[in-house]
Amino acid sequence: MRGLIGGRGELADSMSFSGAVAAASYPFFSYIDLDTPLLMPKRFVRGGMRYSGPAVRLPRHTTGTGVDAAAHFAASAG
């Protein structure tokens, strides 16, 4: 059985979760399409996955997906 994981309009925080699920579920996902944050005009969070050419890099030294949205929410609250 081969699976597909991807998105349709998610920001980097959601795609970071999908990337972590895909990595943890290896080799189930044969098709991985995590490029929707590249279509977004602005990055709203820090951390999470990064793109390196065709490869996706997940944070190695953090818990969960590594997404830090605190700065975004602090800026919008003030």
N, C-alpha and C. Protein backbone atom coordinates (compact mmCIF):
# COMPACT_ATOMS: atom_id res chain seq x y z
N MET A 1 0.85 -1.17 0.00
CA MET A 1 0.00 0.00 0.00
C MET A 1 0.89 1.24 0.00
N ARG A 2 0.54 2.23 -0.83
CA ARG A 2 1.31 3.46 -0.92
C ARG A 2 0.38 4.63 -0.71
N GLY A 3 0.83 5.58 0.11
CA GLY A 3 -0.02 6.72 0.44
C GLY A 3 0.50 8.02 -0.13
N LEU A 4 -0.33 9.04 -0.06
CA LEU A 4 -0.02 10.39 -0.49
C LEU A 4 -0.30 11.34 0.66
N ILE A 5 0.62 12.28 0.89
CA ILE A 5 0.39 13.33 1.87
C ILE A 5 0.71 14.65 1.18
N GLY A 6 -0.15 15.64 1.41
CA GLY A 6 0.05 16.93 0.76
C GLY A 6 -0.88 17.96 1.36
N GLY A 7 -1.12 19.01 0.64
CA GLY A 7 -1.99 20.07 1.12
C GLY A 7 -2.59 20.85 -0.03
N ARG A 8 -3.43 21.81 0.32
CA ARG A 8 -4.11 22.60 -0.71
C ARG A 8 -3.98 24.10 -0.48
N GLY A 9 -3.46 24.54 0.62
CA GLY A 9 -3.34 25.96 0.89
C GLY A 9 -2.88 26.25 2.30
N GLU A 10 -2.22 25.30 2.90
CA GLU A 10 -1.79 25.44 4.28
C GLU A 10 -0.54 26.32 4.39
N LEU A 11 -0.42 26.94 5.55
CA LEU A 11 0.79 27.71 5.86
C LEU A 11 1.88 26.76 6.33
N ALA A 12 3.05 27.30 6.58
CA ALA A 12 4.21 26.48 6.95
C ALA A 12 3.99 25.69 8.23
N ASP A 13 3.21 26.22 9.18
CA ASP A 13 3.00 25.47 10.43
C ASP A 13 2.25 24.17 10.18
N SER A 14 1.20 24.21 9.36
CA SER A 14 0.45 22.99 9.04
C SER A 14 1.29 22.02 8.21
N MET A 15 2.03 22.55 7.27
CA MET A 15 2.86 21.68 6.43
C MET A 15 3.99 21.06 7.24
N SER A 16 4.47 21.75 8.28
CA SER A 16 5.49 21.17 9.15
C SER A 16 4.94 19.93 9.86
N PHE A 17 3.69 19.99 10.28
CA PHE A 17 3.06 18.83 10.89
C PHE A 17 2.97 17.69 9.87
N SER A 18 2.54 18.00 8.65
CA SER A 18 2.45 16.97 7.61
C SER A 18 3.81 16.38 7.30
N GLY A 19 4.84 17.21 7.29
CA GLY A 19 6.20 16.70 7.06
C GLY A 19 6.65 15.77 8.16
N ALA A 20 6.32 16.10 9.42
CA ALA A 20 6.67 15.24 10.54
C ALA A 20 5.93 13.91 10.47
N VAL A 21 4.65 13.95 10.09
CA VAL A 21 3.88 12.71 9.94
C VAL A 21 4.47 11.85 8.83
N ALA A 22 4.82 12.46 7.71
CA ALA A 22 5.40 11.72 6.59
C ALA A 22 6.72 11.07 6.99
N ALA A 23 7.57 11.81 7.71
CA ALA A 23 8.85 11.26 8.14
C ALA A 23 8.67 10.12 9.13
N ALA A 24 7.73 10.27 10.06
CA ALA A 24 7.49 9.24 11.07
C ALA A 24 6.82 8.00 10.48
N SER A 25 6.17 8.16 9.34
CA SER A 25 5.42 7.04 8.74
C SER A 25 6.19 6.38 7.61
N TYR A 26 7.46 6.69 7.44
CA TYR A 26 8.25 6.09 6.36
C TYR A 26 8.19 4.57 6.48
N PRO A 27 8.00 3.85 5.42
CA PRO A 27 7.91 4.18 4.00
C PRO A 27 6.48 4.22 3.47
N PHE A 28 5.50 4.43 4.32
CA PHE A 28 4.11 4.40 3.87
C PHE A 28 3.83 5.42 2.77
N PHE A 29 4.30 6.67 2.96
CA PHE A 29 4.00 7.71 1.99
C PHE A 29 4.99 7.66 0.83
N SER A 30 4.52 7.21 -0.31
CA SER A 30 5.33 7.17 -1.52
C SER A 30 5.30 8.49 -2.27
N TYR A 31 4.25 9.26 -2.04
CA TYR A 31 4.07 10.55 -2.72
C TYR A 31 3.92 11.63 -1.65
N ILE A 32 4.84 12.58 -1.67
CA ILE A 32 4.86 13.64 -0.68
C ILE A 32 4.85 14.98 -1.40
N ASP A 33 3.83 15.79 -1.15
CA ASP A 33 3.65 17.07 -1.82
C ASP A 33 3.44 18.14 -0.76
N LEU A 34 4.52 18.76 -0.32
CA LEU A 34 4.46 19.71 0.78
C LEU A 34 4.90 21.11 0.33
N ASP A 35 4.50 21.52 -0.84
CA ASP A 35 5.00 22.78 -1.39
C ASP A 35 4.04 23.96 -1.26
N THR A 36 2.86 23.80 -0.69
CA THR A 36 1.90 24.90 -0.67
C THR A 36 2.40 26.16 0.07
N PRO A 37 3.23 26.05 1.14
CA PRO A 37 3.72 27.30 1.75
C PRO A 37 4.58 28.13 0.80
N LEU A 38 5.14 27.52 -0.22
CA LEU A 38 5.96 28.27 -1.18
C LEU A 38 5.10 29.23 -2.00
N LEU A 39 3.80 28.99 -2.04
CA LEU A 39 2.89 29.85 -2.79
C LEU A 39 2.36 31.02 -1.95
N MET A 40 2.65 31.02 -0.65
CA MET A 40 2.16 32.06 0.24
C MET A 40 3.07 33.29 0.17
N PRO A 41 2.51 34.49 0.26
CA PRO A 41 3.32 35.70 0.12
C PRO A 41 4.19 36.01 1.34
N LYS A 42 3.83 35.47 2.50
CA LYS A 42 4.55 35.81 3.73
C LYS A 42 4.57 34.62 4.65
N ARG A 43 5.65 34.50 5.38
CA ARG A 43 5.77 33.46 6.40
C ARG A 43 5.31 34.05 7.73
N PHE A 44 4.32 33.45 8.38
CA PHE A 44 3.74 34.00 9.60
C PHE A 44 4.35 33.44 10.88
N VAL A 45 5.10 32.37 10.78
CA VAL A 45 5.66 31.74 11.96
C VAL A 45 7.16 31.52 11.76
N ARG A 46 7.86 31.35 12.88
CA ARG A 46 9.27 30.98 12.82
C ARG A 46 9.39 29.48 13.06
N GLY A 47 10.47 28.92 12.58
CA GLY A 47 10.73 27.51 12.80
C GLY A 47 9.96 26.65 11.81
N GLY A 48 9.81 25.40 12.17
CA GLY A 48 9.13 24.47 11.27
C GLY A 48 10.05 24.01 10.16
N MET A 49 9.47 23.41 9.15
CA MET A 49 10.28 22.87 8.07
C MET A 49 10.82 23.97 7.17
N ARG A 50 11.91 23.64 6.50
CA ARG A 50 12.54 24.54 5.55
C ARG A 50 12.74 23.79 4.24
N TYR A 51 12.80 24.54 3.17
CA TYR A 51 13.01 23.95 1.85
C TYR A 51 14.46 24.12 1.44
N SER A 52 15.02 23.05 0.90
CA SER A 52 16.39 23.07 0.39
C SER A 52 16.35 22.41 -0.97
N GLY A 53 16.07 23.20 -2.01
CA GLY A 53 15.85 22.63 -3.34
C GLY A 53 14.61 21.75 -3.29
N PRO A 54 14.70 20.53 -3.79
CA PRO A 54 13.53 19.64 -3.76
C PRO A 54 13.33 18.93 -2.41
N ALA A 55 14.27 19.13 -1.49
CA ALA A 55 14.20 18.46 -0.19
C ALA A 55 13.53 19.33 0.86
N VAL A 56 12.86 18.69 1.80
CA VAL A 56 12.27 19.37 2.95
C VAL A 56 13.11 19.01 4.16
N ARG A 57 13.50 20.01 4.91
CA ARG A 57 14.30 19.79 6.13
C ARG A 57 13.42 20.07 7.35
N LEU A 58 13.33 19.08 8.22
CA LEU A 58 12.59 19.23 9.47
C LEU A 58 13.56 19.63 10.58
N PRO A 59 13.10 20.41 11.56
CA PRO A 59 13.99 20.79 12.66
C PRO A 59 14.41 19.56 13.45
N ARG A 60 15.66 19.52 13.84
CA ARG A 60 16.18 18.33 14.52
C ARG A 60 16.25 18.47 16.03
N HIS A 61 16.46 19.66 16.52
CA HIS A 61 16.71 19.85 17.95
C HIS A 61 15.59 20.65 18.60
N THR A 62 14.38 20.14 18.47
CA THR A 62 13.23 20.81 19.05
C THR A 62 12.13 19.79 19.28
N THR A 63 11.11 20.18 20.01
CA THR A 63 9.99 19.28 20.23
C THR A 63 8.89 19.56 19.21
N GLY A 64 8.07 18.60 18.95
CA GLY A 64 6.95 18.77 18.02
C GLY A 64 7.42 19.14 16.63
N THR A 65 6.74 20.08 16.01
CA THR A 65 7.08 20.50 14.65
C THR A 65 8.13 21.60 14.63
N GLY A 66 8.44 22.19 15.77
CA GLY A 66 9.43 23.26 15.82
C GLY A 66 8.89 24.62 15.43
N VAL A 67 7.58 24.73 15.26
CA VAL A 67 6.97 26.00 14.86
C VAL A 67 6.84 26.91 16.07
N ASP A 68 7.24 28.17 15.91
CA ASP A 68 7.13 29.17 16.97
C ASP A 68 6.26 30.32 16.45
N ALA A 69 5.02 30.37 16.86
CA ALA A 69 4.10 31.41 16.41
C ALA A 69 3.98 32.54 17.42
N ALA A 70 4.72 32.48 18.51
CA ALA A 70 4.58 33.48 19.57
C ALA A 70 4.85 34.89 19.07
N ALA A 71 5.85 35.10 18.25
CA ALA A 71 6.18 36.44 17.76
C ALA A 71 5.03 37.01 16.91
N HIS A 72 4.42 36.17 16.10
CA HIS A 72 3.31 36.62 15.26
C HIS A 72 2.12 37.07 16.12
N PHE A 73 1.77 36.26 17.12
CA PHE A 73 0.64 36.59 17.96
C PHE A 73 0.93 37.78 18.87
N ALA A 74 2.17 37.92 19.32
CA ALA A 74 2.53 39.07 20.15
C ALA A 74 2.43 40.37 19.34
N ALA A 75 2.85 40.33 18.08
CA ALA A 75 2.80 41.53 17.23
C ALA A 75 1.36 41.91 16.92
N SER A 76 0.50 40.92 16.73
CA SER A 76 -0.90 41.24 16.39
C SER A 76 -1.71 41.67 17.61
N ALA A 77 -1.24 41.33 18.81
CA ALA A 77 -1.96 41.71 20.03
C ALA A 77 -1.65 43.15 20.43
N GLY A 78 -0.49 43.65 20.01
CA GLY A 78 -0.08 44.98 20.47
C GLY A 78 -0.40 45.99 19.48
